[in-house]
N, C-alpha and C. Protein backbone atom coordinates (compact mmCIF):
# COMPACT_ATOMS: atom_id res chain seq x y z
N UNK A 1 116.32 177.78 7.26
CA UNK A 1 115.77 178.73 6.30
C UNK A 1 115.33 179.94 7.17
N UNK A 2 115.98 181.24 6.83
CA UNK A 2 115.60 182.40 7.59
C UNK A 2 114.42 182.77 7.68
N UNK A 3 113.69 183.45 8.62
CA UNK A 3 112.40 183.98 8.53
C UNK A 3 112.24 184.75 7.46
N UNK A 4 113.25 185.69 7.17
CA UNK A 4 113.03 186.77 6.33
C UNK A 4 113.33 186.12 4.97
N UNK A 5 113.82 185.27 4.71
CA UNK A 5 113.83 184.45 3.40
C UNK A 5 112.49 183.92 3.08
N UNK A 6 111.73 183.31 4.08
CA UNK A 6 110.57 182.89 4.09
C UNK A 6 109.37 183.89 3.43
N UNK A 7 109.62 185.10 4.45
CA UNK A 7 108.74 186.15 4.21
C UNK A 7 108.90 186.60 2.40
N UNK A 8 110.13 186.52 2.06
CA UNK A 8 110.49 187.12 1.04
C UNK A 8 109.58 186.12 -0.13
N UNK A 9 109.79 184.94 0.11
CA UNK A 9 109.42 183.89 -0.87
C UNK A 9 107.67 183.98 -0.85
N UNK A 10 107.27 184.05 0.33
CA UNK A 10 105.62 184.49 0.46
C UNK A 10 105.21 185.55 -0.50
N UNK A 11 106.06 186.41 -0.43
CA UNK A 11 105.68 188.04 -1.10
C UNK A 11 105.83 187.49 -2.72
N UNK A 12 106.88 186.90 -2.96
CA UNK A 12 107.07 186.48 -4.57
C UNK A 12 105.87 185.50 -4.91
N UNK A 13 105.53 184.41 -4.19
CA UNK A 13 104.25 183.77 -4.43
C UNK A 13 103.00 184.41 -4.37
N UNK A 14 102.71 185.14 -3.42
CA UNK A 14 101.67 185.83 -3.54
C UNK A 14 101.67 186.79 -4.80
N UNK A 15 102.45 187.28 -5.18
CA UNK A 15 102.30 188.28 -6.16
C UNK A 15 102.41 187.55 -7.59
N UNK A 16 103.18 186.15 -7.46
CA UNK A 16 102.79 185.59 -8.63
C UNK A 16 101.27 184.83 -9.20
N UNK A 17 100.64 184.42 -7.79
CA UNK A 17 99.53 183.89 -7.82
C UNK A 17 98.52 184.97 -7.88
N UNK A 18 98.54 186.07 -7.36
CA UNK A 18 97.64 187.18 -7.41
C UNK A 18 98.40 188.50 -7.88
N UNK A 19 98.64 188.70 -9.35
CA UNK A 19 99.23 189.71 -9.85
C UNK A 19 98.47 191.00 -9.49
N UNK A 20 99.08 192.00 -9.02
CA UNK A 20 98.43 193.15 -8.87
C UNK A 20 98.82 193.75 -10.28
N UNK A 21 97.57 194.98 -10.82
CA UNK A 21 97.29 195.57 -11.73
C UNK A 21 97.58 194.98 -12.78
N UNK A 22 97.29 193.51 -13.22
CA UNK A 22 97.22 192.80 -14.49
C UNK A 22 96.23 193.03 -15.14
N UNK A 23 96.12 193.94 -15.87
CA UNK A 23 95.03 194.16 -16.95
C UNK A 23 95.53 195.01 -18.33
N UNK A 24 95.04 195.41 -19.22
CA UNK A 24 95.08 196.21 -20.34
C UNK A 24 94.81 197.70 -19.59
N UNK A 25 95.38 198.71 -19.82
CA UNK A 25 95.15 200.09 -19.12
C UNK A 25 94.71 200.61 -20.39
N UNK A 26 93.03 200.66 -20.42
CA UNK A 26 92.58 201.47 -21.86
C UNK A 26 92.68 202.88 -22.02
N UNK A 27 93.16 203.76 -21.01
CA UNK A 27 93.46 205.01 -21.21
C UNK A 27 94.93 205.06 -21.34
N UNK A 28 95.91 204.15 -21.69
CA UNK A 28 97.38 204.03 -21.64
C UNK A 28 97.77 205.39 -22.75
N UNK A 29 98.84 206.17 -22.42
CA UNK A 29 99.22 207.03 -23.02
C UNK A 29 100.75 206.36 -23.72
N UNK A 30 101.23 205.37 -23.35
CA UNK A 30 102.50 204.91 -23.37
C UNK A 30 102.29 203.18 -23.48
N UNK A 31 102.80 202.65 -24.04
CA UNK A 31 102.84 201.21 -24.13
C UNK A 31 104.11 200.49 -24.80
N UNK A 32 104.60 199.31 -24.37
CA UNK A 32 105.68 198.56 -24.73
C UNK A 32 105.53 197.05 -24.44
N UNK A 33 106.15 196.36 -25.51
CA UNK A 33 106.21 194.95 -25.22
C UNK A 33 107.60 194.52 -24.84
N UNK A 34 107.56 193.38 -24.11
CA UNK A 34 109.19 193.05 -23.61
C UNK A 34 109.08 191.58 -23.60
N UNK A 35 110.29 191.08 -24.19
CA UNK A 35 110.45 189.43 -24.16
C UNK A 35 111.74 189.11 -23.69
N UNK A 36 111.76 187.97 -22.65
CA UNK A 36 113.00 187.42 -22.25
C UNK A 36 113.25 186.26 -23.05
N UNK A 37 113.96 186.04 -23.99
CA UNK A 37 114.17 184.81 -24.89
C UNK A 37 114.69 183.66 -24.35
N UNK A 38 115.49 183.81 -23.15
CA UNK A 38 116.26 182.62 -22.34
C UNK A 38 114.90 182.11 -21.46
N UNK A 39 114.11 182.79 -21.14
CA UNK A 39 113.03 182.04 -20.30
C UNK A 39 111.99 181.92 -20.86
N UNK A 40 111.57 182.73 -21.93
CA UNK A 40 110.14 182.57 -22.45
C UNK A 40 109.32 183.82 -22.07
N UNK A 41 109.69 184.47 -21.47
CA UNK A 41 108.77 185.52 -20.22
C UNK A 41 108.14 186.59 -21.63
N UNK A 42 107.05 186.78 -21.60
CA UNK A 42 106.61 188.06 -22.54
C UNK A 42 105.83 188.92 -21.60
N UNK A 43 105.56 190.11 -21.86
CA UNK A 43 104.96 191.03 -21.07
C UNK A 43 104.87 192.25 -21.67
N UNK A 44 103.55 193.16 -21.68
CA UNK A 44 103.00 194.23 -22.10
C UNK A 44 103.03 194.99 -20.87
N UNK A 45 103.62 196.50 -21.08
CA UNK A 45 103.41 197.55 -19.91
C UNK A 45 102.55 198.69 -20.68
N UNK A 46 101.57 198.94 -19.80
CA UNK A 46 100.88 200.02 -20.24
C UNK A 46 101.06 201.06 -19.26
N UNK A 47 101.21 202.26 -19.66
CA UNK A 47 101.46 203.75 -18.64
C UNK A 47 100.15 204.83 -18.91
N UNK A 48 99.99 205.23 -18.05
CA UNK A 48 99.29 206.71 -18.18
C UNK A 48 100.04 207.66 -17.55
N UNK A 49 100.40 208.55 -18.34
CA UNK A 49 101.78 209.56 -18.01
C UNK A 49 100.89 210.85 -18.22
N UNK A 50 100.87 211.82 -17.01
CA UNK A 50 100.11 213.01 -16.90
C UNK A 50 101.09 213.95 -16.36
N UNK A 51 101.55 215.05 -16.80
CA UNK A 51 102.16 216.09 -16.16
C UNK A 51 103.45 215.54 -15.37
N UNK A 52 104.09 214.64 -16.13
CA UNK A 52 105.09 214.38 -15.28
C UNK A 52 105.27 213.12 -14.32
N UNK A 53 103.71 212.84 -14.25
CA UNK A 53 103.60 211.78 -13.28
C UNK A 53 103.13 210.52 -13.74
N UNK A 54 103.57 209.35 -13.12
CA UNK A 54 103.19 207.99 -13.83
C UNK A 54 101.75 207.96 -12.89
N UNK A 55 100.63 208.09 -13.62
CA UNK A 55 99.31 208.24 -12.92
C UNK A 55 98.79 206.89 -12.69
N UNK A 56 98.97 205.90 -13.92
CA UNK A 56 98.61 204.70 -13.48
C UNK A 56 99.49 203.81 -14.36
N UNK A 57 99.51 202.56 -13.86
CA UNK A 57 100.23 201.69 -14.56
C UNK A 57 99.70 200.29 -14.41
N UNK A 58 99.90 199.30 -15.71
CA UNK A 58 99.42 197.98 -15.65
C UNK A 58 100.24 197.03 -16.61
N UNK A 59 100.13 195.76 -16.29
CA UNK A 59 100.93 194.68 -17.19
C UNK A 59 100.01 193.60 -17.67
N UNK A 60 100.46 193.02 -18.82
CA UNK A 60 99.66 191.71 -19.06
C UNK A 60 101.17 190.96 -19.58
N UNK A 61 100.73 189.67 -19.38
CA UNK A 61 101.69 188.75 -19.99
C UNK A 61 101.94 187.13 -19.65
N UNK A 62 102.89 186.68 -19.97
CA UNK A 62 102.99 185.17 -19.45
C UNK A 62 104.40 185.10 -19.02
N UNK A 63 104.75 184.58 -17.90
CA UNK A 63 106.23 184.20 -17.44
C UNK A 63 106.34 183.58 -16.31
N UNK A 64 107.36 183.53 -15.95
CA UNK A 64 107.93 182.65 -14.69
C UNK A 64 107.36 183.25 -13.49
N UNK A 65 107.61 182.55 -12.29
CA UNK A 65 107.15 183.51 -11.04
C UNK A 65 107.72 184.68 -10.80
N UNK A 66 109.08 184.59 -11.05
CA UNK A 66 109.95 185.72 -10.67
C UNK A 66 109.56 186.90 -11.73
N UNK A 67 109.25 186.62 -12.91
CA UNK A 67 108.93 187.63 -13.91
C UNK A 67 107.53 188.47 -13.71
N UNK A 68 106.65 187.39 -13.35
CA UNK A 68 105.24 187.92 -12.91
C UNK A 68 105.41 188.69 -11.54
N UNK A 69 106.05 188.20 -10.57
CA UNK A 69 106.03 188.79 -9.24
C UNK A 69 106.90 190.20 -9.25
N UNK A 70 107.64 190.38 -10.16
CA UNK A 70 108.71 191.49 -10.54
C UNK A 70 107.69 192.50 -11.12
N UNK A 71 106.93 192.09 -11.98
CA UNK A 71 106.15 193.07 -12.87
C UNK A 71 105.04 193.70 -11.88
N UNK A 72 104.20 192.98 -11.04
CA UNK A 72 103.24 193.21 -10.05
C UNK A 72 104.13 194.25 -8.97
N UNK A 73 104.92 193.75 -8.45
CA UNK A 73 105.47 194.46 -7.45
C UNK A 73 106.29 195.79 -8.00
N UNK A 74 106.48 196.01 -9.07
CA UNK A 74 107.14 197.08 -9.90
C UNK A 74 105.93 198.00 -9.82
N UNK A 75 104.56 197.56 -10.65
CA UNK A 75 103.33 198.56 -10.60
C UNK A 75 103.22 199.03 -9.38
N UNK A 76 102.91 198.34 -8.51
CA UNK A 76 102.81 199.19 -7.21
C UNK A 76 103.83 200.01 -6.58
N UNK A 77 105.08 199.92 -6.93
CA UNK A 77 105.95 200.73 -6.31
C UNK A 77 105.99 201.94 -7.28
N UNK A 78 105.59 202.07 -8.49
CA UNK A 78 105.93 203.16 -9.41
C UNK A 78 104.70 204.00 -9.43
N UNK A 79 103.57 203.45 -9.18
CA UNK A 79 102.20 203.94 -9.42
C UNK A 79 102.27 205.22 -8.54
N UNK A 80 102.03 206.45 -9.18
CA UNK A 80 101.81 208.00 -8.52
C UNK A 80 103.06 208.62 -8.32
N UNK A 81 104.24 207.90 -8.90
CA UNK A 81 105.47 208.60 -8.63
C UNK A 81 105.78 209.52 -9.98
N UNK A 82 106.52 210.56 -9.69
CA UNK A 82 107.00 211.37 -10.74
C UNK A 82 108.08 210.47 -11.69
N UNK A 83 108.30 211.13 -12.83
CA UNK A 83 109.25 209.98 -13.81
C UNK A 83 110.50 210.50 -13.27
N UNK A 84 111.14 211.10 -12.51
CA UNK A 84 112.28 211.30 -12.16
C UNK A 84 112.48 210.21 -10.99
N UNK A 85 111.55 210.07 -9.92
CA UNK A 85 111.66 209.04 -8.96
C UNK A 85 111.43 207.76 -9.85
N UNK A 86 110.70 207.38 -10.73
CA UNK A 86 110.43 206.39 -11.46
C UNK A 86 112.08 205.81 -11.74
N UNK A 87 112.68 206.48 -12.50
CA UNK A 87 113.87 206.56 -13.15
C UNK A 87 115.12 206.12 -12.24
N UNK A 88 114.96 206.78 -10.83
CA UNK A 88 115.81 206.65 -9.67
C UNK A 88 115.59 205.08 -9.06
N UNK A 89 114.28 204.89 -8.93
CA UNK A 89 113.87 203.70 -8.39
C UNK A 89 114.20 202.57 -9.55
N UNK A 90 114.26 202.47 -10.92
CA UNK A 90 114.55 201.68 -11.77
C UNK A 90 116.26 201.38 -11.49
N UNK A 91 116.64 202.36 -11.39
CA UNK A 91 118.30 202.37 -11.06
C UNK A 91 118.56 201.71 -10.03
N UNK A 92 117.81 202.08 -8.91
CA UNK A 92 118.54 201.65 -7.44
C UNK A 92 117.60 199.71 -7.38
N UNK A 93 116.67 199.16 -8.14
CA UNK A 93 116.32 198.31 -8.07
C UNK A 93 117.33 197.29 -8.91
N UNK A 94 117.59 197.82 -9.94
CA UNK A 94 118.80 197.10 -11.00
C UNK A 94 119.73 197.16 -10.40
N UNK A 95 120.37 197.73 -9.62
CA UNK A 95 121.84 197.64 -8.78
C UNK A 95 121.44 196.41 -7.67
N UNK A 96 120.25 196.62 -6.84
CA UNK A 96 119.92 195.54 -6.22
C UNK A 96 120.09 194.21 -6.48
N UNK A 97 119.53 194.03 -7.57
CA UNK A 97 119.61 192.55 -8.25
C UNK A 97 120.72 192.15 -9.13
N UNK A 98 121.75 193.09 -9.20
CA UNK A 98 122.79 192.88 -10.31
C UNK A 98 124.18 193.12 -9.51
N UNK A 99 124.11 193.93 -8.44
CA UNK A 99 125.27 194.38 -7.84
C UNK A 99 125.54 193.33 -6.57
N UNK A 100 126.62 193.19 -6.15
CA UNK A 100 126.91 192.50 -4.78
C UNK A 100 126.42 193.06 -3.61
N UNK A 101 125.70 192.43 -2.47
CA UNK A 101 125.03 192.88 -1.62
C UNK A 101 125.28 194.19 -0.85
N UNK A 102 126.52 194.20 -0.64
CA UNK A 102 127.02 195.33 0.20
C UNK A 102 126.65 196.69 -0.84
N UNK A 103 126.63 196.52 -1.87
CA UNK A 103 126.51 197.76 -3.00
C UNK A 103 125.03 198.29 -2.95
N UNK A 104 124.01 197.46 -2.70
CA UNK A 104 122.70 197.56 -2.53
C UNK A 104 122.14 198.25 -1.27
N UNK A 105 122.95 198.13 -0.28
CA UNK A 105 122.40 198.42 1.01
C UNK A 105 122.17 199.91 1.24
N UNK A 106 121.38 200.28 2.26
CA UNK A 106 121.14 201.56 2.76
C UNK A 106 120.15 202.19 1.99
N UNK A 107 119.37 201.53 1.03
CA UNK A 107 118.13 202.20 0.36
C UNK A 107 117.03 201.01 0.73
N UNK A 108 115.95 201.81 1.35
CA UNK A 108 114.77 200.89 1.48
C UNK A 108 113.94 200.87 0.21
N UNK A 109 113.73 199.59 -0.41
CA UNK A 109 112.80 199.42 -1.37
C UNK A 109 111.36 198.77 -1.24
N UNK A 110 111.29 198.62 -0.03
CA UNK A 110 110.09 198.17 0.62
C UNK A 110 109.93 196.55 -0.04
N UNK A 111 109.03 196.13 -0.57
CA UNK A 111 108.57 194.47 -1.09
C UNK A 111 109.22 194.17 -2.05
N UNK A 112 110.00 195.35 -2.83
CA UNK A 112 111.05 195.02 -4.01
C UNK A 112 111.94 194.22 -3.52
N UNK A 113 112.30 194.53 -2.38
CA UNK A 113 113.45 193.58 -1.49
C UNK A 113 113.53 192.27 -1.75
N UNK A 114 112.14 191.60 -1.75
CA UNK A 114 111.91 190.48 -1.81
C UNK A 114 112.56 189.47 -2.99
N UNK A 115 112.99 190.49 -3.91
CA UNK A 115 113.66 190.19 -5.18
C UNK A 115 115.17 190.24 -4.99
N UNK A 116 115.92 190.81 -4.02
CA UNK A 116 117.10 190.79 -3.78
C UNK A 116 117.99 189.34 -3.95
N UNK A 117 117.42 188.30 -3.70
CA UNK A 117 117.71 187.11 -3.83
C UNK A 117 118.33 186.52 -5.22
N UNK A 118 117.52 187.20 -6.28
CA UNK A 118 117.94 186.87 -7.57
C UNK A 118 119.49 187.12 -8.09
N UNK A 119 119.86 188.07 -7.45
CA UNK A 119 121.31 188.18 -7.46
C UNK A 119 122.42 187.22 -7.39
N UNK A 120 121.84 186.21 -6.80
CA UNK A 120 122.28 184.75 -6.37
C UNK A 120 122.38 183.71 -7.53
N UNK A 121 121.42 184.09 -8.35
CA UNK A 121 121.05 183.35 -9.59
C UNK A 121 121.03 183.95 -10.67
N UNK A 122 122.22 184.19 -11.26
CA UNK A 122 122.17 185.11 -12.47
C UNK A 122 121.29 184.77 -13.88
N UNK A 123 120.78 183.67 -13.91
CA UNK A 123 120.06 183.50 -15.20
C UNK A 123 118.66 184.02 -14.77
N UNK A 124 118.46 184.26 -13.51
CA UNK A 124 117.04 184.65 -13.07
C UNK A 124 117.11 186.21 -12.89
N UNK A 125 118.02 187.01 -12.94
CA UNK A 125 118.14 188.30 -13.25
C UNK A 125 117.21 189.07 -14.22
N UNK A 126 117.64 188.40 -15.56
CA UNK A 126 116.70 188.78 -16.63
C UNK A 126 115.27 188.73 -16.44
N UNK A 127 114.92 187.48 -15.67
CA UNK A 127 113.48 187.48 -15.19
C UNK A 127 112.99 188.56 -14.41
N UNK A 128 113.73 188.97 -13.46
CA UNK A 128 113.46 190.14 -12.47
C UNK A 128 113.16 191.27 -13.33
N UNK A 129 114.23 191.40 -14.12
CA UNK A 129 114.56 193.01 -14.67
C UNK A 129 113.80 193.21 -16.01
N UNK A 130 112.86 192.13 -16.47
CA UNK A 130 112.06 192.48 -17.78
C UNK A 130 111.21 193.38 -17.70
N UNK A 131 110.25 193.38 -16.65
CA UNK A 131 109.46 194.33 -16.51
C UNK A 131 109.79 195.68 -16.51
N UNK A 132 110.89 196.04 -15.89
CA UNK A 132 111.51 197.24 -15.79
C UNK A 132 112.11 197.58 -16.94
N UNK A 133 112.83 197.05 -17.71
CA UNK A 133 113.32 197.44 -19.04
C UNK A 133 112.00 197.69 -19.96
N UNK A 134 111.00 196.89 -19.75
CA UNK A 134 109.98 197.03 -20.50
C UNK A 134 109.20 198.46 -20.28
N UNK A 135 109.34 198.85 -18.83
CA UNK A 135 108.80 200.08 -18.30
C UNK A 135 109.81 201.24 -18.88
N UNK A 136 110.70 201.28 -19.08
CA UNK A 136 111.80 201.94 -19.58
C UNK A 136 111.48 202.26 -21.08
N UNK A 137 111.30 201.29 -21.70
CA UNK A 137 110.99 201.29 -23.30
C UNK A 137 109.59 201.88 -23.24
N UNK A 138 108.61 201.77 -22.47
CA UNK A 138 107.14 202.44 -22.65
C UNK A 138 107.59 203.89 -22.31
N UNK A 139 108.21 204.38 -21.56
CA UNK A 139 108.53 205.70 -21.13
C UNK A 139 109.44 206.33 -22.36
N UNK A 140 110.11 205.60 -22.93
CA UNK A 140 110.89 206.42 -23.95
C UNK A 140 110.28 206.03 -25.50
N UNK A 141 108.98 205.43 -25.36
CA UNK A 141 108.02 205.37 -26.49
C UNK A 141 108.80 204.57 -27.45
N UNK A 142 109.47 203.63 -27.14
CA UNK A 142 110.39 202.77 -28.11
C UNK A 142 109.33 201.74 -28.94
N UNK A 143 109.66 201.60 -30.34
CA UNK A 143 108.84 200.89 -31.13
C UNK A 143 109.30 199.29 -31.06
N UNK A 144 110.43 199.19 -31.01
CA UNK A 144 110.74 197.54 -30.73
C UNK A 144 110.67 196.99 -29.34
N UNK A 145 110.26 195.71 -29.29
CA UNK A 145 110.22 195.42 -27.95
C UNK A 145 111.55 195.22 -26.97
N UNK A 146 111.32 195.49 -25.58
CA UNK A 146 112.37 195.73 -24.94
C UNK A 146 112.57 194.10 -24.61
N UNK A 147 114.12 194.04 -24.54
CA UNK A 147 114.69 192.39 -24.31
C UNK A 147 115.84 192.46 -23.20
N UNK A 148 115.74 191.28 -22.59
CA UNK A 148 116.92 191.15 -21.58
C UNK A 148 118.13 190.81 -22.22
N UNK A 149 118.31 190.64 -23.52
CA UNK A 149 119.69 190.40 -24.15
C UNK A 149 120.25 191.48 -24.80
């Protein structure tokens, strides 16, 4: 196993065991629920958006290690960013986990790159993207739960 793969596994396990921003955001301006019926993952994403900036973000839920780690990493990556930057990050992350490796290179996603390996496990892609789809649903203020289906 390569050193890089071990580091990525450590990042995923750390964020699974000690998820960041795992709480109900009391002053949330946006909220959405998400569900991955295939795996059983469930998530609530809470946002505080002011003047086109994602000031704060949190999540709660229950899910597999990939789902929880992805949500934790996502909250760290998007907090404090403008909504256009959040959208761009969503698109880049989605490409990284769904497209062949060559298509996702050239963009530094920081710790989010720990999840790049899920592209090799198609059934886990939905686990990794659930929080991101739920984030999108919250930004769009959708009434129905976000789903990976």
